Amino acid sequence: MSTVYEDRFADLAAAPAPGRQQQVVERLKALLPPHALLFREEDVRPYECDALSAFRQLPMVVALPETEEQVVGILKACHELEVPIVARGAGTSLSGGSMPHAAGVVLSLAKFNRILAIDPVARTARVQPGVRNLAVSEAAAPYDLYYAPDPSSQIACSIGGNLAENSGGVHCLKYGLTVHNVLRVRGYTVDGEPVEFGSEALDSPGLDLLSLVIGSEGMLAVTMEATLKLVPKPQLARVVMASFDDVVKAGDAVAGIIAAGIIPAGLEMMDRKATVAVEEFVHAGYDLDAQAILLAESDGTPEEVAEEIVRMETVLRESGATRIQVSESEAQRLLFWSGRKNAFPAAGRVSPDYYCMDGTIPRKNIGRLLADIAAMEDKYRLRCMNVFHAGDGNMHPLILFDANDPDEWHRAELFGAEILELCVEYGGTVTGEHGVGIEKINSMCVQFSPEERAAFFAVKRAFDPPGLLNPGKGIPTLARCAEYGKMHVHAGRLAFPDLPRF
């Protein structure tokens, strides 16, 4: 297999050629009404970034189609003109996955926000990509059903973005990630041809390309419709809140619960910096004397919940818990979770800016990584709040900094990169539920070999030969890895010596 690979549009800041914007605008004017086409700087400014606001780039053009025919027309026009396309929903991505290309078109799918059908017998929902995650559960509630993947941003994030990033959430430990809760995806290829992955049944003929397109960050196709699985609401759910006087003990307790054969509906952890910030914001009743707290949820029949909570309490006490409190009502359970789900906005109240990392490690190494992060706080002279999906080892350190100080932002970036590299060293990955986007593209050079990255590009080329769909994201080029300093030099010989270096 060749290890030489490239991404023609990898430079997201590469300005369009003179007259290029007018050429693209004139072409799209024939497809869209005037209010659905933005190209003046003041009009495209709101699209310069997603929720990762540290990275910004003005797009050349923003298209806001209202029909599938318009989407197909835009794709065909961009394909013919060789214009990069970045599909975008609510823009809540925390990895820069929908950051625009300077010479490209942002394809907003926000107007495709209809729930097309709820089938309570088949327990499915057929939705458009712009539907909010929480709206699916609200629509299914009359049938005592809900959609299990619940990112903390579920009140705003849309299903199309959830598919692109393979989003997770509090309850994914027991009910799975997005990829485990989708039956079918329908959309269009880069040249506007219809394409379908999966089926309405539990299995479909041929290669399992459904699990390939979910999590592909909009680099393979544009989603227009998805069939989602719905699950019954449990009869009862209760949360155990356990306090620890040491974050390492709390991390080890997570491994202890799983080792005991218990799969909680949710298993989350916050360190003291996080609980203090959240308590002042939400008043969830968290133990502020604890160095860390665990939230472990049990759901099922009343008998199942009672038995599982006893087992969890036993493991937590044996792991060194200093205090255990079990929710006494549904209102208190929701309050406990409200604190966890509001940890990110709470961080915004105690620091001008924060940088949310997203790496995954084996659960047995949680305590070890938390100790390392504490040491890094001194090394980089920055504070870090830890709040994360402990049950599946998905870490979300929030590095606090002031973006008005360029040196602080530089140190925050280095801090974050070192955390991700440790995730790899401890047997994990640089990615969790937030995807790669532009944020972690350098760290992909640490995780994957040149041969593996070449294979990734081969998959992209199979779906998108000209490389127009969300270019410059997800897969680093050889040149980028060389610039990042993560290219292996053996016996003084540099691979690809003729490759231009930045």
Protein backbone atom coordinates (compact mmCIF):
# COMPACT_ATOMS: atom_id res chain seq x y z
CA MET A 1 0.00 0.00 0.00
CA SER A 2 1.29 3.44 -0.86
CA THR A 3 1.95 5.65 2.14
CA VAL A 4 1.89 8.84 0.07
CA TYR A 5 -1.38 10.64 0.56
CA GLU A 6 -2.63 14.15 0.28
CA ASP A 7 -5.61 16.38 0.89
CA ARG A 8 -5.81 19.01 -1.85
CA PHE A 9 -7.90 21.34 0.29
CA ALA A 10 -6.23 20.68 3.67
CA ASP A 11 -5.33 24.36 4.13
CA LEU A 12 -8.61 25.76 5.46
CA ALA A 13 -7.31 29.33 5.28
CA ALA A 14 -6.30 29.17 1.61
CA ALA A 15 -8.05 32.16 0.02
CA PRO A 16 -10.15 31.65 -3.12
CA ALA A 17 -8.74 32.79 -6.45
CA PRO A 18 -9.81 36.28 -7.62
CA GLY A 19 -13.34 36.18 -9.03
CA ARG A 20 -13.99 32.74 -7.60
CA GLN A 21 -16.60 33.90 -5.07
CA GLN A 22 -18.60 35.70 -7.76
CA GLN A 23 -18.45 32.60 -9.98
CA VAL A 24 -19.81 30.36 -7.20
CA VAL A 25 -22.44 32.89 -6.09
CA GLU A 26 -23.75 33.31 -9.64
CA ARG A 27 -24.03 29.55 -10.00
CA LEU A 28 -25.86 29.10 -6.68
CA LYS A 29 -28.18 32.06 -7.36
CA ALA A 30 -29.76 29.95 -10.06
CA LEU A 31 -30.57 27.28 -7.46
CA LEU A 32 -31.56 29.21 -4.33
CA PRO A 33 -33.81 32.15 -3.46
CA PRO A 34 -31.91 35.31 -2.40
CA HIS A 35 -32.61 34.84 1.33
CA ALA A 36 -30.98 31.37 1.21
CA LEU A 37 -27.59 32.54 -0.07
CA LEU A 38 -25.11 34.51 2.07
CA PHE A 39 -21.76 35.81 0.83
CA ARG A 40 -21.15 39.28 2.30
CA GLU A 41 -18.69 39.30 5.20
CA GLU A 42 -21.22 40.58 7.75
CA ASP A 43 -23.66 37.83 6.71
CA VAL A 44 -21.24 34.87 6.82
CA ARG A 45 -19.53 36.01 10.06
CA PRO A 46 -21.89 33.93 12.32
CA TYR A 47 -20.64 30.78 10.54
CA GLU A 48 -16.90 31.35 11.10
CA CYS A 49 -16.69 28.75 13.88
CA ASP A 50 -18.67 26.17 15.83
CA ALA A 51 -18.57 25.73 19.63
CA LEU A 52 -14.76 25.49 19.45
CA SER A 53 -14.42 29.25 19.05
CA ALA A 54 -10.62 29.26 19.42
CA PHE A 55 -10.41 28.32 15.72
CA ARG A 56 -12.17 30.60 13.22
CA GLN A 57 -12.35 30.95 9.44
CA LEU A 58 -14.80 32.96 7.35
CA PRO A 59 -16.44 30.85 4.62
CA MET A 60 -16.60 32.07 1.03
CA VAL A 61 -20.35 31.36 0.77
CA VAL A 62 -23.11 30.03 3.05
CA ALA A 63 -26.03 28.15 1.46
CA LEU A 64 -29.27 27.58 3.40
CA PRO A 65 -31.33 25.19 1.25
CA GLU A 66 -34.98 24.46 2.05
CA THR A 67 -35.58 21.41 -0.18
CA GLU A 68 -33.65 18.26 -1.03
CA GLU A 69 -33.67 19.31 -4.68
CA GLN A 70 -31.73 22.42 -3.69
CA VAL A 71 -29.23 20.33 -1.69
CA VAL A 72 -28.65 18.09 -4.71
CA GLY A 73 -28.21 21.13 -6.94
CA ILE A 74 -25.65 22.68 -4.57
CA LEU A 75 -23.67 19.43 -4.38
CA LYS A 76 -23.63 19.03 -8.15
CA ALA A 77 -22.61 22.65 -8.70
CA CYS A 78 -19.81 22.49 -6.13
CA HIS A 79 -18.63 19.16 -7.55
CA GLU A 80 -18.46 20.61 -11.05
CA LEU A 81 -16.68 23.77 -9.88
CA GLU A 82 -14.44 21.84 -7.42
CA VAL A 83 -15.54 23.84 -4.38
CA PRO A 84 -15.07 22.40 -0.85
CA ILE A 85 -18.33 21.81 1.08
CA VAL A 86 -18.74 21.80 4.86
CA ALA A 87 -22.16 20.54 6.02
CA ARG A 88 -23.34 22.14 9.25
CA GLY A 89 -26.24 21.74 11.67
CA ALA A 90 -26.58 23.53 15.01
CA GLY A 91 -22.84 24.24 15.22
CA THR A 92 -22.40 22.75 18.71
CA SER A 93 -19.33 20.69 17.76
CA LEU A 94 -16.54 21.02 20.32
CA SER A 95 -13.79 19.81 17.96
CA GLY A 96 -14.08 22.31 15.11
CA GLY A 97 -15.70 19.68 12.91
CA SER A 98 -17.83 22.26 11.11
CA MET A 99 -15.22 25.03 10.86
CA PRO A 100 -15.52 26.48 7.32
CA HIS A 101 -13.05 26.52 4.44
CA ALA A 102 -11.97 29.97 3.17
CA ALA A 103 -12.59 28.89 -0.42
CA GLY A 104 -15.61 26.75 0.33
CA VAL A 105 -19.37 26.64 0.82
CA VAL A 106 -21.01 26.05 4.20
CA LEU A 107 -24.06 23.85 3.56
CA SER A 108 -26.43 24.62 6.44
CA LEU A 109 -29.01 21.88 7.07
CA ALA A 110 -30.71 23.76 9.92
CA LYS A 111 -33.98 24.12 7.99
CA PHE A 112 -34.38 20.34 7.70
CA ASN A 113 -35.80 20.14 11.22
CA ARG A 114 -38.88 17.90 10.89
CA ILE A 115 -39.63 14.65 12.71
CA LEU A 116 -41.11 12.71 9.80
CA ALA A 117 -42.60 9.77 11.70
CA ILE A 118 -42.71 8.06 15.09
CA ASP A 119 -43.48 4.32 14.91
CA PRO A 120 -44.29 3.08 18.44
CA VAL A 121 -44.68 -0.52 17.24
CA ALA A 122 -41.29 -0.72 15.55
CA ARG A 123 -39.88 1.69 18.21
CA THR A 124 -38.29 3.98 15.63
CA ALA A 125 -38.23 7.66 14.72
CA ARG A 126 -37.59 8.89 11.17
CA VAL A 127 -36.06 12.38 11.32
CA GLN A 128 -34.32 15.04 9.25
CA PRO A 129 -30.74 16.07 10.16
CA GLY A 130 -31.63 19.44 11.69
CA VAL A 131 -33.89 17.94 14.38
CA ARG A 132 -32.63 18.63 17.90
CA ASN A 133 -31.59 15.57 19.90
CA LEU A 134 -33.95 16.32 22.80
CA ALA A 135 -36.88 16.94 20.44
CA VAL A 136 -36.82 13.25 19.45
CA SER A 137 -37.37 12.11 23.05
CA GLU A 138 -40.04 14.79 23.56
CA ALA A 139 -41.92 13.54 20.48
CA ALA A 140 -41.61 9.90 21.61
CA ALA A 141 -42.64 10.59 25.23
CA PRO A 142 -46.41 10.01 24.68
CA TYR A 143 -45.53 6.41 23.72
CA ASP A 144 -43.31 5.94 26.84
CA LEU A 145 -40.27 5.79 24.53
CA TYR A 146 -37.13 7.92 24.24
CA TYR A 147 -33.91 8.25 22.22
CA ALA A 148 -31.04 7.03 24.41
CA PRO A 149 -27.90 8.97 23.23
CA ASP A 150 -28.01 12.19 25.28
CA PRO A 151 -25.05 14.55 24.77
CA SER A 152 -24.92 17.32 27.38
CA SER A 153 -25.78 19.73 24.55
CA GLN A 154 -28.92 17.73 23.65
CA ILE A 155 -31.19 20.74 24.11
CA ALA A 156 -29.46 22.37 21.10
CA CYS A 157 -27.37 19.83 19.14
CA SER A 158 -28.95 18.26 16.06
CA ILE A 159 -29.16 14.65 14.89
CA GLY A 160 -27.05 15.28 11.78
CA GLY A 161 -24.14 16.44 13.95
CA ASN A 162 -24.69 13.53 16.36
CA LEU A 163 -24.32 11.16 13.40
CA ALA A 164 -21.22 12.95 12.11
CA GLU A 165 -19.47 12.82 15.50
CA ASN A 166 -20.94 9.51 16.80
CA SER A 167 -22.05 11.43 19.89
CA GLY A 168 -22.32 9.85 23.30
CA GLY A 169 -23.78 11.06 26.58
CA VAL A 170 -24.48 10.15 30.18
CA HIS A 171 -26.52 7.03 29.40
CA CYS A 172 -24.31 5.59 26.63
CA LEU A 173 -22.49 3.25 29.03
CA LYS A 174 -25.61 1.03 29.15
CA TYR A 175 -27.48 2.02 25.97
CA GLY A 176 -24.63 2.62 23.52
CA LEU A 177 -23.37 5.49 21.40
CA THR A 178 -25.12 6.98 18.37
CA VAL A 179 -23.78 4.15 16.18
CA HIS A 180 -25.67 1.63 18.33
CA ASN A 181 -28.97 3.52 18.10
CA VAL A 182 -29.35 4.18 14.36
CA LEU A 183 -30.88 1.78 11.82
CA ARG A 184 -30.61 3.71 8.59
CA VAL A 185 -29.07 6.86 7.09
CA ARG A 186 -30.14 8.32 3.75
CA GLY A 187 -28.28 11.10 1.99
CA TYR A 188 -26.26 12.18 -1.03
CA THR A 189 -22.71 11.67 -2.22
CA VAL A 190 -20.38 14.51 -3.12
CA ASP A 191 -21.69 14.56 -6.72
CA GLY A 192 -25.36 14.65 -5.64
CA GLU A 193 -26.17 10.97 -6.15
CA PRO A 194 -28.55 9.35 -3.61
CA VAL A 195 -27.00 6.91 -1.16
CA GLU A 196 -28.43 4.81 1.69
CA PHE A 197 -26.71 3.02 4.57
CA GLY A 198 -28.40 0.34 6.70
CA SER A 199 -32.13 -0.40 6.52
CA GLU A 200 -35.35 -0.25 8.53
CA ALA A 201 -34.63 -3.83 9.66
CA LEU A 202 -32.07 -4.87 12.26
CA ASP A 203 -29.73 -6.08 9.55
CA SER A 204 -29.08 -5.20 5.92
CA PRO A 205 -27.37 -6.98 3.04
CA GLY A 206 -23.81 -6.29 1.98
CA LEU A 207 -20.98 -4.56 3.82
CA ASP A 208 -21.86 -2.78 7.07
CA LEU A 209 -21.24 0.74 5.79
CA LEU A 210 -23.70 2.25 8.29
CA SER A 211 -21.12 2.02 11.06
CA LEU A 212 -18.57 3.55 8.68
CA VAL A 213 -20.58 6.66 7.83
CA ILE A 214 -21.56 7.30 11.48
CA GLY A 215 -18.65 9.17 13.01
CA SER A 216 -17.13 10.04 9.63
CA GLU A 217 -17.48 13.77 10.40
CA GLY A 218 -19.24 14.66 7.14
CA MET A 219 -16.29 13.54 5.03
CA LEU A 220 -18.09 10.76 3.12
CA ALA A 221 -21.66 11.92 2.40
CA VAL A 222 -24.33 14.48 3.34
CA THR A 223 -27.12 13.11 5.57
CA MET A 224 -30.73 14.06 4.78
CA GLU A 225 -32.69 11.54 6.86
CA ALA A 226 -32.06 9.02 9.64
CA THR A 227 -34.08 6.23 11.23
CA LEU A 228 -33.36 6.12 14.96
CA LYS A 229 -34.05 3.38 17.49
CA LEU A 230 -36.26 4.27 20.46
CA VAL A 231 -36.13 2.48 23.80
CA PRO A 232 -38.82 2.11 26.50
CA LYS A 233 -38.66 4.44 29.48
CA PRO A 234 -37.61 2.49 32.58
CA GLN A 235 -40.17 2.11 35.35
CA LEU A 236 -37.78 3.67 37.85
CA ALA A 237 -34.37 5.34 37.94
CA ARG A 238 -32.33 6.41 40.98
CA VAL A 239 -28.89 7.94 41.32
CA VAL A 240 -26.21 7.15 43.88
CA MET A 241 -23.93 10.10 44.69
CA ALA A 242 -20.67 8.97 46.32
CA SER A 243 -18.02 11.28 47.81
CA PHE A 244 -14.28 10.56 47.90
CA ASP A 245 -11.40 12.32 49.66
CA ASP A 246 -9.04 11.47 46.80
CA VAL A 247 -9.59 11.63 43.02
CA VAL A 248 -7.50 8.52 42.44
CA LYS A 249 -9.75 6.53 44.81
CA ALA A 250 -12.79 7.77 42.90
CA GLY A 251 -11.22 6.77 39.59
CA ASP A 252 -10.39 3.33 40.92
CA ALA A 253 -13.99 2.96 42.21
CA VAL A 254 -15.21 3.27 38.61
CA ALA A 255 -13.13 0.28 37.61
CA GLY A 256 -14.38 -1.53 40.73
CA ILE A 257 -18.05 -1.09 39.79
CA ILE A 258 -17.52 -2.47 36.29
CA ALA A 259 -15.33 -5.29 37.59
CA ALA A 260 -18.19 -6.30 39.90
CA GLY A 261 -20.33 -6.99 36.83
CA ILE A 262 -22.51 -3.88 37.25
CA ILE A 263 -23.40 -1.78 34.19
CA PRO A 264 -25.00 1.41 35.55
CA ALA A 265 -27.34 3.41 33.31
CA GLY A 266 -24.90 6.30 33.85
CA LEU A 267 -21.56 6.59 35.66
CA GLU A 268 -20.06 10.10 35.78
CA MET A 269 -17.32 11.77 37.81
CA MET A 270 -16.45 15.34 38.79
CA ASP A 271 -13.46 16.60 40.76
CA ARG A 272 -13.75 19.27 43.48
CA LYS A 273 -13.01 22.21 41.17
CA ALA A 274 -15.93 21.11 39.02
CA THR A 275 -18.38 20.48 41.88
CA VAL A 276 -17.64 23.86 43.47
CA ALA A 277 -18.23 25.68 40.17
CA VAL A 278 -21.40 23.70 39.47
CA GLU A 279 -22.86 23.98 42.99
CA GLU A 280 -22.66 27.79 42.87
CA PHE A 281 -24.50 27.65 39.52
CA VAL A 282 -27.11 24.88 39.92
CA HIS A 283 -27.34 24.19 43.71
CA ALA A 284 -27.54 20.45 43.10
CA GLY A 285 -26.61 19.53 46.68
CA TYR A 286 -23.10 18.28 45.88
CA ASP A 287 -20.65 17.49 48.70
CA LEU A 288 -18.15 20.38 48.58
CA ASP A 289 -15.83 18.72 51.11
CA ALA A 290 -15.15 15.85 48.71
CA GLN A 291 -12.16 15.87 46.37
CA ALA A 292 -14.31 14.02 43.83
CA ILE A 293 -17.86 12.70 43.49
CA LEU A 294 -19.30 9.85 41.44
CA LEU A 295 -22.86 9.78 40.08
CA ALA A 296 -24.06 6.24 39.34
CA GLU A 297 -27.57 5.66 38.02
CA SER A 298 -29.58 2.45 38.17
CA ASP A 299 -32.75 1.97 36.10
CA GLY A 300 -35.27 -0.83 35.51
CA THR A 301 -38.06 -2.28 37.60
CA PRO A 302 -38.23 -1.19 41.27
CA GLU A 303 -36.87 -4.59 42.32
CA GLU A 304 -33.93 -4.42 39.86
CA VAL A 305 -33.06 -0.89 40.95
CA ALA A 306 -33.16 -1.75 44.67
CA GLU A 307 -30.88 -4.77 44.20
CA GLU A 308 -28.39 -2.92 41.97
CA ILE A 309 -28.12 0.08 44.26
CA VAL A 310 -27.22 -2.18 47.19
CA ARG A 311 -24.48 -3.76 45.09
CA MET A 312 -23.13 -0.37 43.97
CA GLU A 313 -23.12 0.97 47.54
CA THR A 314 -21.09 -2.05 48.64
CA VAL A 315 -18.43 -1.51 45.95
CA LEU A 316 -18.28 2.24 46.60
CA ARG A 317 -17.76 1.77 50.37
CA GLU A 318 -15.06 -0.84 49.75
CA SER A 319 -13.39 1.65 47.36
CA GLY A 320 -13.18 4.31 50.09
CA ALA A 321 -16.32 6.42 49.64
CA THR A 322 -16.64 8.88 52.53
CA ARG A 323 -20.34 9.64 51.98
CA ILE A 324 -23.13 8.05 49.94
CA GLN A 325 -26.49 9.63 49.12
CA VAL A 326 -29.24 8.03 47.01
CA SER A 327 -31.84 10.18 45.23
CA GLU A 328 -35.17 10.03 47.04
CA SER A 329 -37.37 11.35 44.24
CA GLU A 330 -37.40 11.91 40.49
CA ALA A 331 -36.93 15.63 41.10
CA GLN A 332 -33.78 14.98 43.14
CA ARG A 333 -32.44 12.54 40.52
CA LEU A 334 -32.86 15.18 37.81
CA LEU A 335 -31.21 17.77 40.07
CA PHE A 336 -28.16 15.54 40.55
CA TRP A 337 -27.87 15.15 36.76
CA SER A 338 -28.59 18.82 36.17
CA GLY A 339 -25.36 19.66 37.97
CA ARG A 340 -23.36 17.29 35.79
CA LYS A 341 -24.99 18.48 32.56
CA ASN A 342 -24.31 22.12 33.47
CA ALA A 343 -20.62 21.63 34.26
CA PHE A 344 -19.51 23.30 31.02
CA PRO A 345 -21.55 26.51 31.44
CA ALA A 346 -20.48 26.55 35.10
CA ALA A 347 -16.84 26.55 33.95
CA GLY A 348 -17.64 29.65 31.92
CA ARG A 349 -18.61 31.43 35.15
CA VAL A 350 -15.23 30.87 36.83
CA SER A 351 -12.89 31.42 33.87
CA PRO A 352 -12.95 33.74 30.83
CA ASP A 353 -12.36 30.73 28.57
CA TYR A 354 -11.99 26.97 28.83
CA TYR A 355 -10.56 24.35 26.50
CA CYS A 356 -12.48 21.05 26.64
CA MET A 357 -10.41 18.00 25.79
CA ASP A 358 -11.93 14.68 24.80
CA GLY A 359 -9.83 11.52 25.03
CA THR A 360 -10.65 7.98 26.08
CA ILE A 361 -8.65 5.57 28.23
CA PRO A 362 -9.17 2.14 29.79
CA ARG A 363 -11.14 2.60 33.03
CA LYS A 364 -8.36 1.05 35.12
CA ASN A 365 -6.11 4.03 34.27
CA ILE A 366 -8.53 6.83 35.22
CA GLY A 367 -6.93 7.46 38.61
CA ARG A 368 -3.44 7.45 37.09
CA LEU A 369 -4.36 9.97 34.39
CA LEU A 370 -6.05 12.29 36.91
CA ALA A 371 -2.85 12.35 38.97
CA ASP A 372 -0.87 13.20 35.83
CA ILE A 373 -3.27 16.02 34.95
CA ALA A 374 -2.81 17.49 38.44
CA ALA A 375 0.95 17.59 37.84
CA MET A 376 0.41 19.23 34.45
CA GLU A 377 -1.51 22.06 36.14
CA ASP A 378 1.77 23.10 37.79
CA LYS A 379 3.81 22.50 34.64
CA TYR A 380 1.61 24.70 32.44
CA ARG A 381 0.52 27.10 35.25
CA LEU A 382 -3.15 26.64 34.38
CA ARG A 383 -6.11 25.22 36.32
CA CYS A 384 -8.02 22.20 35.03
CA MET A 385 -11.51 20.98 35.99
CA ASN A 386 -12.22 17.29 35.46
CA VAL A 387 -15.75 16.20 34.60
CA PHE A 388 -16.26 13.12 32.48
CA HIS A 389 -18.07 9.96 31.43
CA ALA A 390 -16.18 7.75 33.87
CA GLY A 391 -18.06 4.57 32.97
CA ASP A 392 -16.70 4.44 29.44
CA GLY A 393 -13.35 6.11 30.23
CA ASN A 394 -14.21 9.20 28.18
CA MET A 395 -12.27 12.06 29.81
CA HIS A 396 -13.30 15.73 29.51
CA PRO A 397 -10.64 17.84 31.26
CA LEU A 398 -11.61 21.54 31.05
CA ILE A 399 -8.43 23.63 30.88
CA LEU A 400 -9.18 27.14 32.18
CA PHE A 401 -7.43 30.08 30.52
CA ASP A 402 -7.85 33.65 29.27
CA ALA A 403 -7.94 33.93 25.48
CA ASN A 404 -6.91 37.58 25.74
CA ASP A 405 -3.47 36.34 26.81
CA PRO A 406 -1.85 34.59 23.78
CA ASP A 407 0.68 32.89 26.04
CA GLU A 408 -2.10 31.34 28.14
CA TRP A 409 -3.81 30.01 25.00
CA HIS A 410 -0.49 28.57 23.77
CA ARG A 411 0.04 26.83 27.12
CA ALA A 412 -3.55 25.55 27.07
CA GLU A 413 -2.99 23.98 23.64
CA LEU A 414 0.22 22.27 24.81
CA PHE A 415 -1.55 21.12 28.00
CA GLY A 416 -4.37 19.58 25.97
CA ALA A 417 -2.03 17.89 23.50
CA GLU A 418 -0.06 16.28 26.32
CA ILE A 419 -3.27 14.92 27.86
CA LEU A 420 -4.25 13.33 24.54
CA GLU A 421 -0.80 11.82 24.07
CA LEU A 422 -1.04 10.30 27.55
CA CYS A 423 -4.41 8.81 26.59
CA VAL A 424 -2.64 6.99 23.75
CA GLU A 425 0.23 5.94 26.04
CA TYR A 426 -2.27 4.48 28.53
CA GLY A 427 -3.91 2.35 25.84
CA GLY A 428 -6.72 4.74 24.89
CA THR A 429 -7.51 7.07 22.01
CA VAL A 430 -7.22 10.78 21.21
CA THR A 431 -10.92 10.83 20.39
CA GLY A 432 -14.04 10.30 22.43
CA GLU A 433 -17.51 11.54 21.63
CA HIS A 434 -16.43 14.89 20.13
CA GLY A 435 -14.67 13.60 17.04
CA VAL A 436 -11.38 14.82 15.57
CA GLY A 437 -12.33 17.92 13.58
CA ILE A 438 -9.52 20.46 13.46
CA GLU A 439 -8.87 20.29 17.20
CA LYS A 440 -7.23 16.87 17.38
CA ILE A 441 -5.89 16.49 13.87
CA ASN A 442 -2.28 16.86 15.06
CA SER A 443 -2.83 14.29 17.80
CA MET A 444 -3.93 11.80 15.12
CA CYS A 445 -0.25 11.79 14.06
CA VAL A 446 0.56 10.32 17.48
CA GLN A 447 -2.18 7.70 17.39
CA PHE A 448 -1.88 6.36 13.85
CA SER A 449 0.97 5.24 11.61
CA PRO A 450 1.50 6.57 8.05
CA GLU A 451 0.08 3.31 6.68
CA GLU A 452 -3.08 3.63 8.79
CA ARG A 453 -3.59 7.25 7.76
CA ALA A 454 -3.14 6.25 4.11
CA ALA A 455 -5.89 3.65 4.58
CA PHE A 456 -8.18 6.34 6.02
CA PHE A 457 -7.58 8.53 2.97
CA ALA A 458 -8.28 5.55 0.71
CA VAL A 459 -11.71 5.15 2.33
CA LYS A 460 -12.42 8.86 1.87
CA ARG A 461 -11.36 8.73 -1.78
CA ALA A 462 -13.72 5.79 -2.37
CA PHE A 463 -16.69 7.99 -1.36
CA ASP A 464 -15.33 11.41 -2.28
CA PRO A 465 -12.73 11.16 -5.09
CA PRO A 466 -12.13 14.93 -5.46
CA GLY A 467 -11.80 15.39 -1.67
CA LEU A 468 -14.41 18.16 -1.41
CA LEU A 469 -16.47 17.04 1.63
CA ASN A 470 -15.21 18.68 4.83
CA PRO A 471 -11.54 18.67 3.73
CA GLY A 472 -8.69 19.30 6.16
CA LYS A 473 -10.51 17.53 9.01
CA GLY A 474 -10.22 14.17 10.68
CA ILE A 475 -7.18 12.76 8.86
CA PRO A 476 -3.79 14.52 8.99
CA THR A 477 -1.61 14.66 5.90
CA LEU A 478 1.98 13.48 5.97
CA ALA A 479 3.16 17.10 5.74
CA ARG A 480 1.05 18.09 8.78
CA CYS A 481 2.50 15.24 10.84
CA ALA A 482 6.02 16.24 9.77
CA GLU A 483 5.32 19.82 10.85
CA TYR A 484 3.89 18.63 14.16
CA GLY A 485 7.16 16.79 14.77
CA LYS A 486 5.54 13.38 15.15
CA MET A 487 7.10 11.71 12.08
CA HIS A 488 9.44 8.89 12.97
CA VAL A 489 13.09 9.34 11.90
CA HIS A 490 14.95 6.01 11.84
CA ALA A 491 18.76 5.76 11.92
CA GLY A 492 19.09 9.38 10.89
CA ARG A 493 17.10 8.80 7.72
CA LEU A 494 13.99 10.91 7.23
CA ALA A 495 11.13 9.27 5.38
CA PHE A 496 9.97 11.13 2.29
CA PRO A 497 12.95 13.55 2.21
CA ASP A 498 11.57 15.34 -0.86
CA LEU A 499 8.34 16.28 0.93
CA PRO A 500 7.96 20.07 1.29
CA ARG A 501 8.08 21.06 4.98
CA PHE A 502 6.26 24.02 6.43
